[in-house]
C-alpha atoms as a PDB file:
ATOM      1  CA  MET A   1     101.581 109.310  80.555  1.00  0.00           C
ATOM      2  CA  THR A   2      98.194 108.229  80.419  1.00  0.00           C
ATOM      3  CA  ILE A   3      96.278 106.236  83.262  1.00  0.00           C
ATOM      4  CA  GLY A   4      92.711 104.807  82.717  1.00  0.00           C
ATOM      5  CA  VAL A   5      90.259 104.721  85.333  1.00  0.00           C
ATOM      6  CA  LEU A   6      87.798 101.941  84.748  1.00  0.00           C
ATOM      7  CA  ALA A   7      84.518 104.013  84.323  1.00  0.00           C
ATOM      8  CA  VAL A   8      81.563 101.306  84.659  1.00  0.00           C
ATOM      9  CA  GLN A   9      80.413 102.166  87.707  1.00  0.00           C
ATOM     10  CA  GLY A  10      81.992 103.951  90.958  1.00  0.00           C
ATOM     11  CA  ASP A  11      84.322 106.660  91.840  1.00  0.00           C
ATOM     12  CA  VAL A  12      85.599 107.764  88.591  1.00  0.00           C
ATOM     13  CA  ARG A  13      85.353 111.369  88.513  1.00  0.00           C
ATOM     14  CA  GLU A  14      87.209 111.548  91.910  1.00  0.00           C
ATOM     15  CA  HIS A  15      89.943 109.417  90.443  1.00  0.00           C
ATOM     16  CA  LEU A  16      90.125 111.575  87.299  1.00  0.00           C
ATOM     17  CA  ARG A  17      90.477 114.917  89.288  1.00  0.00           C
ATOM     18  CA  THR A  18      93.254 113.598  91.527  1.00  0.00           C
ATOM     19  CA  LEU A  19      94.933 112.352  88.525  1.00  0.00           C
ATOM     20  CA  GLY A  20      94.570 115.871  86.954  1.00  0.00           C
ATOM     21  CA  ARG A  21      96.124 117.646  90.367  1.00  0.00           C
ATOM     22  CA  ILE A  22      99.200 115.618  90.490  1.00  0.00           C
ATOM     23  CA  GLY A  23      99.820 116.454  86.353  1.00  0.00           C
ATOM     24  CA  VAL A  24      98.513 112.942  84.669  1.00  0.00           C
ATOM     25  CA  THR A  25      96.181 112.470  82.041  1.00  0.00           C
ATOM     26  CA  GLY A  26      93.446 110.590  82.599  1.00  0.00           C
ATOM     27  CA  ARG A  27      91.069 108.637  80.764  1.00  0.00           C
ATOM     28  CA  PRO A  28      88.029 106.634  81.602  1.00  0.00           C
ATOM     29  CA  VAL A  29      87.845 103.290  80.264  1.00  0.00           C
ATOM     30  CA  LEU A  30      84.487 102.056  79.036  1.00  0.00           C
ATOM     31  CA  ARG A  31      85.254  99.466  76.113  1.00  0.00           C
ATOM     32  CA  PRO A  32      88.116  97.300  75.624  1.00  0.00           C
ATOM     33  CA  ASP A  33      89.490  99.921  72.686  1.00  0.00           C
ATOM     34  CA  HIS A  34      89.934 102.425  75.601  1.00  0.00           C
ATOM     35  CA  LEU A  35      92.721 100.215  76.985  1.00  0.00           C
ATOM     36  CA  VAL A  36      94.897 100.895  73.955  1.00  0.00           C
ATOM     37  CA  GLY A  37      98.165 103.279  74.882  1.00  0.00           C
ATOM     38  CA  LEU A  38      97.684 103.232  78.709  1.00  0.00           C
ATOM     39  CA  ASP A  39     100.243 103.452  80.856  1.00  0.00           C
ATOM     40  CA  GLY A  40      98.138 101.879  83.876  1.00  0.00           C
ATOM     41  CA  ILE A  41      94.603 101.628  85.191  1.00  0.00           C
ATOM     42  CA  ILE A  42      92.344 102.520  88.129  1.00  0.00           C
ATOM     43  CA  LEU A  43      89.664 100.535  89.170  1.00  0.00           C
ATOM     44  CA  PRO A  44      87.791 102.355  91.496  1.00  0.00           C
ATOM     45  CA  GLY A  45      85.444 101.736  94.441  1.00  0.00           C
ATOM     46  CA  GLY A  46      81.834 100.666  93.477  1.00  0.00           C
ATOM     47  CA  GLU A  47      80.190  97.452  93.479  1.00  0.00           C
ATOM     48  CA  SER A  48      82.365  94.624  92.531  1.00  0.00           C
ATOM     49  CA  THR A  49      79.939  92.876  91.302  1.00  0.00           C
ATOM     50  CA  ALA A  50      78.028  95.133  89.496  1.00  0.00           C
ATOM     51  CA  MET A  51      81.309  96.253  87.683  1.00  0.00           C
ATOM     52  CA  TRP A  52      82.496  92.889  86.426  1.00  0.00           C
ATOM     53  CA  ARG A  53      78.916  92.048  84.912  1.00  0.00           C
ATOM     54  CA  LEU A  54      79.100  95.639  82.918  1.00  0.00           C
ATOM     55  CA  MET A  55      82.828  94.876  81.841  1.00  0.00           C
ATOM     56  CA  THR A  56      81.327  91.058  80.947  1.00  0.00           C
ATOM     57  CA  ARG A  57      78.914  92.558  78.989  1.00  0.00           C
ATOM     58  CA  THR A  58      80.787  94.600  76.401  1.00  0.00           C
ATOM     59  CA  GLY A  59      83.705  92.553  76.325  1.00  0.00           C
ATOM     60  CA  LEU A  60      85.679  94.540  78.943  1.00  0.00           C
ATOM     61  CA  ALA A  61      86.796  92.152  81.243  1.00  0.00           C
ATOM     62  CA  ALA A  62      88.241  89.626  78.618  1.00  0.00           C
ATOM     63  CA  SER A  63      90.374  92.340  76.996  1.00  0.00           C
ATOM     64  CA  LEU A  64      91.658  94.012  80.520  1.00  0.00           C
ATOM     65  CA  GLN A  65      92.262  90.504  81.945  1.00  0.00           C
ATOM     66  CA  GLU A  66      94.548  90.300  78.984  1.00  0.00           C
ATOM     67  CA  ALA A  67      95.807  93.845  79.779  1.00  0.00           C
ATOM     68  CA  LEU A  68      97.105  92.909  83.238  1.00  0.00           C
ATOM     69  CA  ALA A  69      98.358  89.744  82.106  1.00  0.00           C
ATOM     70  CA  SER A  70     100.679  91.423  79.897  1.00  0.00           C
ATOM     71  CA  GLY A  71     102.025  93.699  82.536  1.00  0.00           C
ATOM     72  CA  LEU A  72      99.500  97.091  82.483  1.00  0.00           C
ATOM     73  CA  PRO A  73     100.143  98.415  85.966  1.00  0.00           C
ATOM     74  CA  ALA A  74      96.974  98.302  88.046  1.00  0.00           C
ATOM     75  CA  PHE A  75      95.639 100.532  91.227  1.00  0.00           C
ATOM     76  CA  GLY A  76      92.469  99.087  92.642  1.00  0.00           C
ATOM     77  CA  THR A  77      90.451 101.248  95.647  1.00  0.00           C
ATOM     78  CA  CYS A  78      87.765  99.140  97.726  1.00  0.00           C
ATOM     79  CA  ALA A  79      85.890  97.540  95.080  1.00  0.00           C
ATOM     80  CA  GLY A  80      88.783  97.643  92.986  1.00  0.00           C
ATOM     81  CA  MET A  81      91.136  95.945  95.470  1.00  0.00           C
ATOM     82  CA  ILE A  82      88.210  92.795  95.273  1.00  0.00           C
ATOM     83  CA  LEU A  83      88.129  92.849  91.541  1.00  0.00           C
ATOM     84  CA  LEU A  84      92.335  92.411  91.717  1.00  0.00           C
ATOM     85  CA  ALA A  85      92.267  89.817  94.746  1.00  0.00           C
ATOM     86  CA  ARG A  86      93.200  86.117  93.920  1.00  0.00           C
ATOM     87  CA  GLU A  87      90.425  85.151  96.700  1.00  0.00           C
ATOM     88  CA  ILE A  88      87.418  86.435  98.257  1.00  0.00           C
ATOM     89  CA  THR A  89      86.545  84.531 101.452  1.00  0.00           C
ATOM     90  CA  ASN A  90      82.914  85.191 101.813  1.00  0.00           C
ATOM     91  CA  TRP A  91      81.804  85.505  98.097  1.00  0.00           C
ATOM     92  CA  PRO A  92      81.626  82.305  95.503  1.00  0.00           C
ATOM     93  CA  GLU A  93      83.605  83.760  92.681  1.00  0.00           C
ATOM     94  CA  THR A  94      86.568  85.812  91.866  1.00  0.00           C
ATOM     95  CA  TYR A  95      87.251  88.306  89.492  1.00  0.00           C
ATOM     96  CA  PHE A  96      90.730  89.239  87.785  1.00  0.00           C
ATOM     97  CA  GLY A  97      92.433  87.277  90.629  1.00  0.00           C
ATOM     98  CA  VAL A  98      96.514  89.122  89.972  1.00  0.00           C
ATOM     99  CA  LEU A  99      96.782  89.975  93.185  1.00  0.00           C
ATOM    100  CA  ASP A 100      98.130  87.315  95.645  1.00  0.00           C
ATOM    101  CA  ILE A 101      95.329  88.370  98.717  1.00  0.00           C
ATOM    102  CA  ALA A 102      92.193  87.099  99.969  1.00  0.00           C
ATOM    103  CA  VAL A 103      90.186  89.635 100.919  1.00  0.00           C
ATOM    104  CA  GLU A 104      86.839  89.698 102.860  1.00  0.00           C
ATOM    105  CA  ARG A 105      84.107  91.590 100.764  1.00  0.00           C
ATOM    106  CA  ASN A 106      82.442  94.369 103.268  1.00  0.00           C
ATOM    107  CA  ALA A 107      84.594  93.626 106.074  1.00  0.00           C
ATOM    108  CA  THR A 108      83.848  96.799 107.892  1.00  0.00           C
ATOM    109  CA  GLY A 109      80.282  96.613 107.831  1.00  0.00           C
ATOM    110  CA  ARG A 110      77.672  98.173 106.143  1.00  0.00           C
ATOM    111  CA  GLN A 111      77.309 101.336 104.563  1.00  0.00           C
ATOM    112  CA  VAL A 112      75.980 102.907 108.178  1.00  0.00           C
ATOM    113  CA  ASP A 113      79.107 101.659 109.745  1.00  0.00           C
ATOM    114  CA  SER A 114      81.377 103.794 106.953  1.00  0.00           C
ATOM    115  CA  PHE A 115      84.280 105.833 108.836  1.00  0.00           C
ATOM    116  CA  GLU A 116      86.993 108.065 107.970  1.00  0.00           C
ATOM    117  CA  GLY A 117      90.614 107.640 110.148  1.00  0.00           C
ATOM    118  CA  ARG A 118      93.817 107.653 109.331  1.00  0.00           C
ATOM    119  CA  VAL A 119      96.848 105.130 108.474  1.00  0.00           C
ATOM    120  CA  ALA A 120     100.359 104.765 108.997  1.00  0.00           C
ATOM    121  CA  ALA A 121     101.817 103.745 105.209  1.00  0.00           C
ATOM    122  CA  ASN A 122     105.369 102.584 104.961  1.00  0.00           C
ATOM    123  CA  GLY A 123     107.126 105.333 102.668  1.00  0.00           C
ATOM    124  CA  LEU A 124     104.144 107.753 102.525  1.00  0.00           C
ATOM    125  CA  GLY A 125     104.017 108.471 106.387  1.00  0.00           C
ATOM    126  CA  GLU A 126     100.295 109.102 108.069  1.00  0.00           C
ATOM    127  CA  LEU A 127      97.309 109.474 105.359  1.00  0.00           C
ATOM    128  CA  PRO A 128      93.676 109.926 105.468  1.00  0.00           C
ATOM    129  CA  ALA A 129      91.429 107.036 104.856  1.00  0.00           C
ATOM    130  CA  VAL A 130      87.752 106.737 104.069  1.00  0.00           C
ATOM    131  CA  PHE A 131      86.609 103.664 104.632  1.00  0.00           C
ATOM    132  CA  ILE A 132      83.260 102.309 103.290  1.00  0.00           C
ATOM    133  CA  ARG A 133      82.235  98.650 103.222  1.00  0.00           C
ATOM    134  CA  ALA A 134      85.852  98.048 102.540  1.00  0.00           C
ATOM    135  CA  PRO A 135      87.105  94.749 102.118  1.00  0.00           C
ATOM    136  CA  LEU A 136      90.112  93.712 104.372  1.00  0.00           C
ATOM    137  CA  VAL A 137      92.812  91.658 103.137  1.00  0.00           C
ATOM    138  CA  ARG A 138      92.272  88.077 105.397  1.00  0.00           C
ATOM    139  CA  ARG A 139      95.890  86.513 103.991  1.00  0.00           C
ATOM    140  CA  ALA A 140      98.580  88.056 101.709  1.00  0.00           C
ATOM    141  CA  GLY A 141     100.633  85.654  99.689  1.00  0.00           C
ATOM    142  CA  ARG A 142     104.849  85.741 100.240  1.00  0.00           C
ATOM    143  CA  ALA A 143     105.322  88.538  96.970  1.00  0.00           C
ATOM    144  CA  VAL A 144     102.873  90.735  98.701  1.00  0.00           C
ATOM    145  CA  GLU A 145     103.866  94.049 100.262  1.00  0.00           C
ATOM    146  CA  ALA A 146     101.822  95.646 103.111  1.00  0.00           C
ATOM    147  CA  LEU A 147     102.239  99.101 103.581  1.00  0.00           C
ATOM    148  CA  ALA A 148      99.430  99.975 105.593  1.00  0.00           C
ATOM    149  CA  TRP A 149      97.071  98.312 108.280  1.00  0.00           C
ATOM    150  CA  LEU A 150      94.360  98.848 109.986  1.00  0.00           C
ATOM    151  CA  GLY A 151      94.663  97.042 113.320  1.00  0.00           C
ATOM    152  CA  GLU A 152      96.125  93.335 112.062  1.00  0.00           C
ATOM    153  CA  ALA A 153      94.433  93.800 108.429  1.00  0.00           C
ATOM    154  CA  PRO A 154      96.609  94.931 105.832  1.00  0.00           C
ATOM    155  CA  VAL A 155      94.939  97.699 103.733  1.00  0.00           C
ATOM    156  CA  LEU A 156      97.012  98.930 101.475  1.00  0.00           C
ATOM    157  CA  VAL A 157      99.246  96.466  99.674  1.00  0.00           C
ATOM    158  CA  ARG A 158     101.718  96.064  96.432  1.00  0.00           C
ATOM    159  CA  GLU A 159     102.764  92.990  94.163  1.00  0.00           C
ATOM    160  CA  GLY A 160     104.643  93.837  91.648  1.00  0.00           C
ATOM    161  CA  ARG A 161     102.746  96.236  89.222  1.00  0.00           C
ATOM    162  CA  VAL A 162      99.867  95.790  91.058  1.00  0.00           C
ATOM    163  CA  LEU A 163      98.678  98.373  94.007  1.00  0.00           C
ATOM    164  CA  ALA A 164      95.327  98.127  96.268  1.00  0.00           C
ATOM    165  CA  ALA A 165      93.783 100.104  98.847  1.00  0.00           C
ATOM    166  CA  SER A 166      90.800  98.803 101.289  1.00  0.00           C
ATOM    167  CA  PHE A 167      89.926 102.763 101.452  1.00  0.00           C
ATOM    168  CA  HIS A 168      89.063 105.496  99.009  1.00  0.00           C
ATOM    169  CA  PRO A 169      92.388 107.698  98.976  1.00  0.00           C
ATOM    170  CA  GLU A 170      90.770 109.776  95.786  1.00  0.00           C
ATOM    171  CA  LEU A 171      88.139 111.202  98.554  1.00  0.00           C
ATOM    172  CA  THR A 172      90.861 112.498 100.800  1.00  0.00           C
ATOM    173  CA  GLY A 173      92.199 115.099  98.762  1.00  0.00           C
ATOM    174  CA  ASP A 174      95.630 113.799  99.675  1.00  0.00           C
ATOM    175  CA  PRO A 175      97.619 112.309  96.213  1.00  0.00           C
ATOM    176  CA  ARG A 176     100.445 110.740  97.806  1.00  0.00           C
ATOM    177  CA  VAL A 177      98.607 106.830  97.133  1.00  0.00           C
ATOM    178  CA  HIS A 178      97.951 107.954  93.412  1.00  0.00           C
ATOM    179  CA  GLU A 179     101.566 109.789  93.274  1.00  0.00           C
ATOM    180  CA  LEU A 180     103.037 105.789  94.281  1.00  0.00           C
ATOM    181  CA  PHE A 181     101.048 104.382  91.667  1.00  0.00           C
ATOM    182  CA  ILE A 182     102.472 106.558  88.836  1.00  0.00           C
ATOM    183  CA  HIS A 183     105.856 105.834  90.520  1.00  0.00           C
ATOM    184  CA  MET A 184     105.112 102.358  89.788  1.00  0.00           C
ATOM    185  CA  CYS A 185     103.761 102.686  86.585  1.00  0.00           C
ATOM    186  CA  ARG A 186     107.199 104.989  85.381  1.00  0.00           C
ATOM    187  CA  LYS A 187     109.724 102.598  87.238  1.00  0.00           C
ATOM    188  CA  GLY A 188     108.404  99.793  84.843  1.00  0.00           C
ATOM    189  CA  GLU A 189     107.797 101.516  81.812  1.00  0.00           C
ATOM    190  CA  ARG A 190     106.457  99.464  78.962  1.00  0.00           C
END
């Protein structure tokens, strides 16, 4: 199994390291041809607008949109959640739009407001969670399953072959969210 990690900006190394720890081959994805042969892709945290601009310049955005539409499993963390969301409540544009959620960018505050906590996740138990200028889900479609919450806001959601987290599981040393994604990739092998 080979999982790509969008490598234009963000927590690329941390995701690759986590994949390696659970015995999965990770591959940085910088160009459209890097999508060939992937069993899934991780869209890491970072800055969603910068990531989109860089992907658009290289043609990666269009190729990844096509791969997602064809059923490539995806896991977005923080900015990755924003890239996958169908709606962004406080931003005029959307990106891939393959996950039926509305997110609020930077909903937990500025960089200085970042924090670590724990969230109870259905099927995974209590997870450590790092929130850095995190988005929060403000609306979820009927087919979206909320797996964990921060107060009333879902922070880990799944819809079909798409998983998204408001937080950064790759920064905690706990691989359970990544393992869930790998299970999702294997369950619906292409």
